[in-house]
């Protein structure tokens, strides 16, 4: 299900595909968890396993209590309905930051 491959100086990590239905079933079994929480946990678990398998130097930083942060962009432009003229053109984005909880003790901890 999981694979790490190397090509032209880049490492690629991929995991099993999850259907939205599988995600919904899992979400219902974990109180207070959203689909977004599950997606972030999958990314976090995948990254941690990659670092473990490749013995990446980032593991030394994690042992010293350091954290890895990431950022994302979100479009905040208002979307016009079918019957409405588009009044606002251009790109309107915000940037969000978060820390990946790579120090989890087990995979369930990565969800919360």
Foldseek 3Di string as FASTA:
>chain_A
DWDWDDDPHDIDIDDDDDDVVNLVVVQVVDPPFDSVLVVLLVVLVRVLVVCVVVVPPVVVVVVVVDWDKDKDKDFPQDDDDPPDDDDDDDTDIDMDMDTQPNVDPDSVSNSD
